[in-house]
C-alpha atoms as a PDB file:
ATOM      1  CA  UNK A   1      41.393  45.031  83.081  1.00  0.00           C
ATOM      2  CA  UNK A   2      44.258  46.533  85.017  1.00  0.00           C
ATOM      3  CA  UNK A   3      45.510  48.229  81.832  1.00  0.00           C
ATOM      4  CA  UNK A   4      42.131  49.964  81.344  1.00  0.00           C
ATOM      5  CA  UNK A   5      42.148  51.210  84.940  1.00  0.00           C
ATOM      6  CA  UNK A   6      45.551  52.793  84.431  1.00  0.00           C
ATOM      7  CA  UNK A   7      44.873  54.152  80.930  1.00  0.00           C
ATOM      8  CA  UNK A   8      43.766  57.674  79.875  1.00  0.00           C
ATOM      9  CA  UNK A   9      40.656  59.090  81.578  1.00  0.00           C
ATOM     10  CA  UNK A  10      37.344  58.965  79.680  1.00  0.00           C
ATOM     11  CA  UNK A  11      36.627  61.885  77.272  1.00  0.00           C
ATOM     12  CA  UNK A  12      34.007  63.433  79.603  1.00  0.00           C
ATOM     13  CA  UNK A  13      36.536  63.643  82.474  1.00  0.00           C
ATOM     14  CA  UNK A  14      39.124  65.145  80.113  1.00  0.00           C
ATOM     15  CA  UNK A  15      36.617  67.798  78.981  1.00  0.00           C
ATOM     16  CA  UNK A  16      35.715  68.741  82.584  1.00  0.00           C
ATOM     17  CA  UNK A  17      39.409  68.979  83.516  1.00  0.00           C
ATOM     18  CA  UNK A  18      40.080  71.260  80.543  1.00  0.00           C
ATOM     19  CA  UNK A  19      37.132  73.469  81.491  1.00  0.00           C
ATOM     20  CA  UNK A  20      38.409  73.630  85.089  1.00  0.00           C
ATOM     21  CA  UNK A  21      41.900  74.587  83.915  1.00  0.00           C
ATOM     22  CA  UNK A  22      40.472  77.383  81.745  1.00  0.00           C
ATOM     23  CA  UNK A  23      38.451  78.723  84.681  1.00  0.00           C
ATOM     24  CA  UNK A  24      41.473  78.590  86.970  1.00  0.00           C
ATOM     25  CA  UNK A  25      43.533  80.322  84.319  1.00  0.00           C
ATOM     26  CA  UNK A  26      40.992  83.179  84.120  1.00  0.00           C
ATOM     27  CA  UNK A  27      41.028  83.548  87.905  1.00  0.00           C
ATOM     28  CA  UNK A  28      44.813  83.574  87.995  1.00  0.00           C
ATOM     29  CA  UNK A  29      45.001  86.064  85.146  1.00  0.00           C
ATOM     30  CA  UNK A  30      42.559  88.392  86.957  1.00  0.00           C
ATOM     31  CA  UNK A  31      44.733  88.305  90.078  1.00  0.00           C
ATOM     32  CA  UNK A  32      47.991  88.865  88.250  1.00  0.00           C
ATOM     33  CA  UNK A  33      46.736  91.527  85.832  1.00  0.00           C
ATOM     34  CA  UNK A  34      43.473  93.028  87.154  1.00  0.00           C
ATOM     35  CA  UNK A  35      41.539  95.611  85.178  1.00  0.00           C
ATOM     36  CA  UNK A  36      43.320  98.883  85.956  1.00  0.00           C
ATOM     37  CA  UNK A  37      40.037 100.814  85.781  1.00  0.00           C
ATOM     38  CA  UNK A  38      38.558  98.894  88.703  1.00  0.00           C
ATOM     39  CA  UNK A  39      41.493  99.439  91.076  1.00  0.00           C
ATOM     40  CA  UNK A  40      41.193 102.015  93.918  1.00  0.00           C
ATOM     41  CA  UNK A  41      43.505 105.042  93.899  1.00  0.00           C
ATOM     42  CA  UNK A  42      45.371 103.584  96.881  1.00  0.00           C
ATOM     43  CA  UNK A  43      45.353 100.009  98.177  1.00  0.00           C
ATOM     44  CA  UNK A  44      43.245  99.341 101.261  1.00  0.00           C
ATOM     45  CA  UNK A  45      45.188  99.187 104.513  1.00  0.00           C
ATOM     46  CA  UNK A  46      45.242  95.938 106.473  1.00  0.00           C
ATOM     47  CA  UNK A  47      42.783  97.477 108.938  1.00  0.00           C
ATOM     48  CA  UNK A  48      40.386  98.540 106.179  1.00  0.00           C
ATOM     49  CA  UNK A  49      40.637  95.172 104.450  1.00  0.00           C
ATOM     50  CA  UNK A  50      40.187  92.968 107.524  1.00  0.00           C
ATOM     51  CA  UNK A  51      38.096  94.863 110.076  1.00  0.00           C
ATOM     52  CA  UNK A  52      34.698  96.530 110.355  1.00  0.00           C
ATOM     53  CA  UNK A  53      35.513  99.907 111.922  1.00  0.00           C
ATOM     54  CA  UNK A  54      33.324 101.495 114.593  1.00  0.00           C
ATOM     55  CA  UNK A  55      33.794 104.642 116.656  1.00  0.00           C
ATOM     56  CA  UNK A  56      32.584 105.903 120.033  1.00  0.00           C
ATOM     57  CA  UNK A  57      32.647 109.707 120.161  1.00  0.00           C
ATOM     58  CA  UNK A  58      32.753 111.438 123.565  1.00  0.00           C
ATOM     59  CA  UNK A  59      32.723 108.072 125.352  1.00  0.00           C
ATOM     60  CA  UNK A  60      31.561 108.880 128.916  1.00  0.00           C
ATOM     61  CA  UNK A  61      33.485 112.173 128.706  1.00  0.00           C
ATOM     62  CA  UNK A  62      33.738 114.955 126.103  1.00  0.00           C
ATOM     63  CA  UNK A  63      36.593 114.395 123.664  1.00  0.00           C
ATOM     64  CA  UNK A  64      37.193 110.800 124.778  1.00  0.00           C
ATOM     65  CA  UNK A  65      36.897 109.272 121.304  1.00  0.00           C
ATOM     66  CA  UNK A  66      37.734 105.606 120.881  1.00  0.00           C
ATOM     67  CA  UNK A  67      37.538 103.031 118.142  1.00  0.00           C
ATOM     68  CA  UNK A  68      36.468  99.403 118.068  1.00  0.00           C
ATOM     69  CA  UNK A  69      37.695  97.407 115.074  1.00  0.00           C
ATOM     70  CA  UNK A  70      35.835  94.117 114.743  1.00  0.00           C
ATOM     71  CA  UNK A  71      37.292  91.158 112.871  1.00  0.00           C
ATOM     72  CA  UNK A  72      34.950  88.617 111.175  1.00  0.00           C
ATOM     73  CA  UNK A  73      36.019  86.055 113.804  1.00  0.00           C
ATOM     74  CA  UNK A  74      34.437  88.257 116.514  1.00  0.00           C
ATOM     75  CA  UNK A  75      37.625  89.674 118.047  1.00  0.00           C
ATOM     76  CA  UNK A  76      37.520  93.401 118.790  1.00  0.00           C
ATOM     77  CA  UNK A  77      40.557  95.689 118.810  1.00  0.00           C
ATOM     78  CA  UNK A  78      40.128  98.806 120.963  1.00  0.00           C
ATOM     79  CA  UNK A  79      42.151 102.002 120.800  1.00  0.00           C
ATOM     80  CA  UNK A  80      42.171 105.793 120.683  1.00  0.00           C
ATOM     81  CA  UNK A  81      40.348 107.414 117.776  1.00  0.00           C
ATOM     82  CA  UNK A  82      42.037 110.289 115.916  1.00  0.00           C
ATOM     83  CA  UNK A  83      39.862 112.873 117.666  1.00  0.00           C
ATOM     84  CA  UNK A  84      40.756 111.793 121.215  1.00  0.00           C
ATOM     85  CA  UNK A  85      41.561 114.810 123.368  1.00  0.00           C
ATOM     86  CA  UNK A  86      44.826 113.291 124.662  1.00  0.00           C
ATOM     87  CA  UNK A  87      46.247 113.176 121.131  1.00  0.00           C
ATOM     88  CA  UNK A  88      45.703 116.921 120.825  1.00  0.00           C
ATOM     89  CA  UNK A  89      47.663 117.827 123.962  1.00  0.00           C
ATOM     90  CA  UNK A  90      50.990 119.565 123.451  1.00  0.00           C
ATOM     91  CA  UNK A  91      53.709 116.922 123.355  1.00  0.00           C
ATOM     92  CA  UNK A  92      51.131 114.178 122.884  1.00  0.00           C
ATOM     93  CA  UNK A  93      50.917 111.062 125.040  1.00  0.00           C
ATOM     94  CA  UNK A  94      54.007 110.450 127.156  1.00  0.00           C
ATOM     95  CA  UNK A  95      53.026 107.397 129.243  1.00  0.00           C
ATOM     96  CA  UNK A  96      50.518 104.543 129.415  1.00  0.00           C
ATOM     97  CA  UNK A  97      49.589 102.926 132.741  1.00  0.00           C
ATOM     98  CA  UNK A  98      47.596  99.677 132.796  1.00  0.00           C
ATOM     99  CA  UNK A  99      47.404  99.701 136.592  1.00  0.00           C
ATOM    100  CA  UNK A 100      43.835 100.893 137.143  1.00  0.00           C
ATOM    101  CA  UNK A 101      42.444 100.629 140.650  1.00  0.00           C
ATOM    102  CA  UNK A 102      42.769  97.131 142.093  1.00  0.00           C
ATOM    103  CA  UNK A 103      44.020  95.493 138.910  1.00  0.00           C
ATOM    104  CA  UNK A 104      47.058  95.814 136.697  1.00  0.00           C
ATOM    105  CA  UNK A 105      45.757  94.857 133.259  1.00  0.00           C
ATOM    106  CA  UNK A 106      49.325  94.273 132.035  1.00  0.00           C
ATOM    107  CA  UNK A 107      49.637  91.243 134.331  1.00  0.00           C
ATOM    108  CA  UNK A 108      46.979  89.168 132.571  1.00  0.00           C
ATOM    109  CA  UNK A 109      48.269  85.927 131.093  1.00  0.00           C
ATOM    110  CA  UNK A 110      45.602  84.276 128.951  1.00  0.00           C
ATOM    111  CA  UNK A 111      46.299  80.649 128.010  1.00  0.00           C
ATOM    112  CA  UNK A 112      44.838  77.875 125.876  1.00  0.00           C
ATOM    113  CA  UNK A 113      41.873  77.628 123.529  1.00  0.00           C
ATOM    114  CA  UNK A 114      39.491  78.299 126.389  1.00  0.00           C
ATOM    115  CA  UNK A 115      41.301  81.579 127.153  1.00  0.00           C
ATOM    116  CA  UNK A 116      41.874  80.764 130.807  1.00  0.00           C
ATOM    117  CA  UNK A 117      42.581  83.737 133.084  1.00  0.00           C
ATOM    118  CA  UNK A 118      40.906  86.218 130.706  1.00  0.00           C
ATOM    119  CA  UNK A 119      39.362  89.128 132.594  1.00  0.00           C
ATOM    120  CA  UNK A 120      35.647  89.638 131.946  1.00  0.00           C
ATOM    121  CA  UNK A 121      35.007  93.369 131.788  1.00  0.00           C
ATOM    122  CA  UNK A 122      32.080  95.711 131.244  1.00  0.00           C
ATOM    123  CA  UNK A 123      32.027  98.274 128.455  1.00  0.00           C
ATOM    124  CA  UNK A 124      32.584 101.162 130.892  1.00  0.00           C
ATOM    125  CA  UNK A 125      35.386  99.426 132.838  1.00  0.00           C
ATOM    126  CA  UNK A 126      38.696 101.290 132.986  1.00  0.00           C
ATOM    127  CA  UNK A 127      41.230  99.741 130.640  1.00  0.00           C
ATOM    128  CA  UNK A 128      44.247 101.959 131.171  1.00  0.00           C
ATOM    129  CA  UNK A 129      45.347 105.522 131.810  1.00  0.00           C
ATOM    130  CA  UNK A 130      47.123 107.590 129.164  1.00  0.00           C
ATOM    131  CA  UNK A 131      49.212 110.511 130.372  1.00  0.00           C
ATOM    132  CA  UNK A 132      50.349 113.719 128.710  1.00  0.00           C
ATOM    133  CA  UNK A 133      52.778 116.268 130.153  1.00  0.00           C
ATOM    134  CA  UNK A 134      50.330 117.508 132.775  1.00  0.00           C
ATOM    135  CA  UNK A 135      47.085 115.514 132.420  1.00  0.00           C
ATOM    136  CA  UNK A 136      45.840 111.939 132.461  1.00  0.00           C
ATOM    137  CA  UNK A 137      42.854 110.326 130.765  1.00  0.00           C
ATOM    138  CA  UNK A 138      41.069 107.064 131.519  1.00  0.00           C
ATOM    139  CA  UNK A 139      40.555 104.806 128.500  1.00  0.00           C
ATOM    140  CA  UNK A 140      37.493 102.541 128.684  1.00  0.00           C
ATOM    141  CA  UNK A 141      36.879  99.055 127.307  1.00  0.00           C
ATOM    142  CA  UNK A 142      33.950 100.146 125.063  1.00  0.00           C
ATOM    143  CA  UNK A 143      32.849  96.505 124.722  1.00  0.00           C
ATOM    144  CA  UNK A 144      31.645  93.973 127.253  1.00  0.00           C
ATOM    145  CA  UNK A 145      33.721  90.820 126.954  1.00  0.00           C
ATOM    146  CA  UNK A 146      36.888  88.927 127.767  1.00  0.00           C
ATOM    147  CA  UNK A 147      40.122  90.907 127.751  1.00  0.00           C
ATOM    148  CA  UNK A 148      42.521  88.646 125.850  1.00  0.00           C
ATOM    149  CA  UNK A 149      45.523  90.886 125.383  1.00  0.00           C
ATOM    150  CA  UNK A 150      46.834  94.347 126.119  1.00  0.00           C
ATOM    151  CA  UNK A 151      49.427  95.996 123.918  1.00  0.00           C
ATOM    152  CA  UNK A 152      52.328  95.948 126.378  1.00  0.00           C
ATOM    153  CA  UNK A 153      54.567  97.687 123.816  1.00  0.00           C
ATOM    154  CA  UNK A 154      52.810 100.896 124.869  1.00  0.00           C
ATOM    155  CA  UNK A 155      54.405 100.724 128.321  1.00  0.00           C
ATOM    156  CA  UNK A 156      57.875 101.255 126.833  1.00  0.00           C
ATOM    157  CA  UNK A 157      56.764 102.965 123.623  1.00  0.00           C
ATOM    158  CA  UNK A 158      53.835 105.266 124.468  1.00  0.00           C
ATOM    159  CA  UNK A 159      54.678 107.332 121.387  1.00  0.00           C
ATOM    160  CA  UNK A 160      53.039 104.610 119.274  1.00  0.00           C
ATOM    161  CA  UNK A 161      49.760 106.212 120.290  1.00  0.00           C
ATOM    162  CA  UNK A 162      50.861 109.519 118.800  1.00  0.00           C
ATOM    163  CA  UNK A 163      52.211 108.063 115.563  1.00  0.00           C
ATOM    164  CA  UNK A 164      49.963 105.061 114.783  1.00  0.00           C
ATOM    165  CA  UNK A 165      47.134 104.728 117.287  1.00  0.00           C
ATOM    166  CA  UNK A 166      45.030 102.880 114.700  1.00  0.00           C
ATOM    167  CA  UNK A 167      47.680 100.215 114.013  1.00  0.00           C
ATOM    168  CA  UNK A 168      50.698  99.383 116.216  1.00  0.00           C
ATOM    169  CA  UNK A 169      49.311 101.711 118.879  1.00  0.00           C
ATOM    170  CA  UNK A 170      46.133  99.716 119.559  1.00  0.00           C
ATOM    171  CA  UNK A 171      45.406  99.301 123.273  1.00  0.00           C
ATOM    172  CA  UNK A 172      43.739  95.931 123.753  1.00  0.00           C
ATOM    173  CA  UNK A 173      41.980  92.957 122.166  1.00  0.00           C
ATOM    174  CA  UNK A 174      38.623  91.677 123.439  1.00  0.00           C
ATOM    175  CA  UNK A 175      36.325  88.788 122.661  1.00  0.00           C
ATOM    176  CA  UNK A 176      32.719  89.804 123.321  1.00  0.00           C
ATOM    177  CA  UNK A 177      29.916  87.251 123.211  1.00  0.00           C
ATOM    178  CA  UNK A 178      27.904  87.630 119.979  1.00  0.00           C
ATOM    179  CA  UNK A 179      24.769  88.551 121.927  1.00  0.00           C
ATOM    180  CA  UNK A 180      26.633  91.260 123.861  1.00  0.00           C
ATOM    181  CA  UNK A 181      28.119  92.645 120.658  1.00  0.00           C
ATOM    182  CA  UNK A 182      24.681  92.969 119.081  1.00  0.00           C
ATOM    183  CA  UNK A 183      23.496  94.948 122.116  1.00  0.00           C
ATOM    184  CA  UNK A 184      26.212  97.595 121.833  1.00  0.00           C
ATOM    185  CA  UNK A 185      26.929  97.662 118.094  1.00  0.00           C
ATOM    186  CA  UNK A 186      24.279 100.287 117.334  1.00  0.00           C
ATOM    187  CA  UNK A 187      25.765 102.708 119.888  1.00  0.00           C
ATOM    188  CA  UNK A 188      28.823 103.175 117.693  1.00  0.00           C
ATOM    189  CA  UNK A 189      29.331 105.430 114.686  1.00  0.00           C
ATOM    190  CA  UNK A 190      30.500 104.173 111.309  1.00  0.00           C
ATOM    191  CA  UNK A 191      33.870 105.336 110.039  1.00  0.00           C
ATOM    192  CA  UNK A 192      32.203 107.758 107.609  1.00  0.00           C
ATOM    193  CA  UNK A 193      29.887 109.235 110.274  1.00  0.00           C
ATOM    194  CA  UNK A 194      32.771 109.669 112.697  1.00  0.00           C
ATOM    195  CA  UNK A 195      34.944 111.413 110.112  1.00  0.00           C
ATOM    196  CA  UNK A 196      32.027 113.698 109.252  1.00  0.00           C
ATOM    197  CA  UNK A 197      31.402 114.482 112.930  1.00  0.00           C
ATOM    198  CA  UNK A 198      35.042 115.362 113.595  1.00  0.00           C
ATOM    199  CA  UNK A 199      35.777 116.943 110.217  1.00  0.00           C
ATOM    200  CA  UNK A 200      38.441 114.368 109.363  1.00  0.00           C
ATOM    201  CA  UNK A 201      39.207 113.879 105.673  1.00  0.00           C
END
């Protein structure tokens, strides 16, 4: 009895295992050597692959263009869109100040799964101020939700906004409630519509 239990599996189980191995092999082969005709000209960036990209053109002020990249888990990354007026100033952005009014956003320290100490902000709340050689511009939250993190690298490296505002130069990360996201989602432009509006290729 014990010998039978430890012996070879029944033929039906062997057949299913073989079929499973063949399927896995096909999947693996497709990953290792995909059909060259179906590949894009250039690989998708991490942002394109992992985020739905939305844009707010002229947000509360002309030329104040911002983006909101939304991850499937609901987190939203906010930053300056390519058409933002500050990025067009001579010399670009030279400083970023998270001290807006009564609150210094750079002092937030969110902890734990429940995100204790997160600031709950409105979509038009001031997030930070970006400065050029002779002007300053208020950057808004764009989404109503909990401010989880600001990109404090920008304090010492404001040039990240000039060189990679859509990646390392993001400004902040928010977690809006799903119901609040649905209320504001339709106010934003898609990536294609924004590029068309601003003549960006």
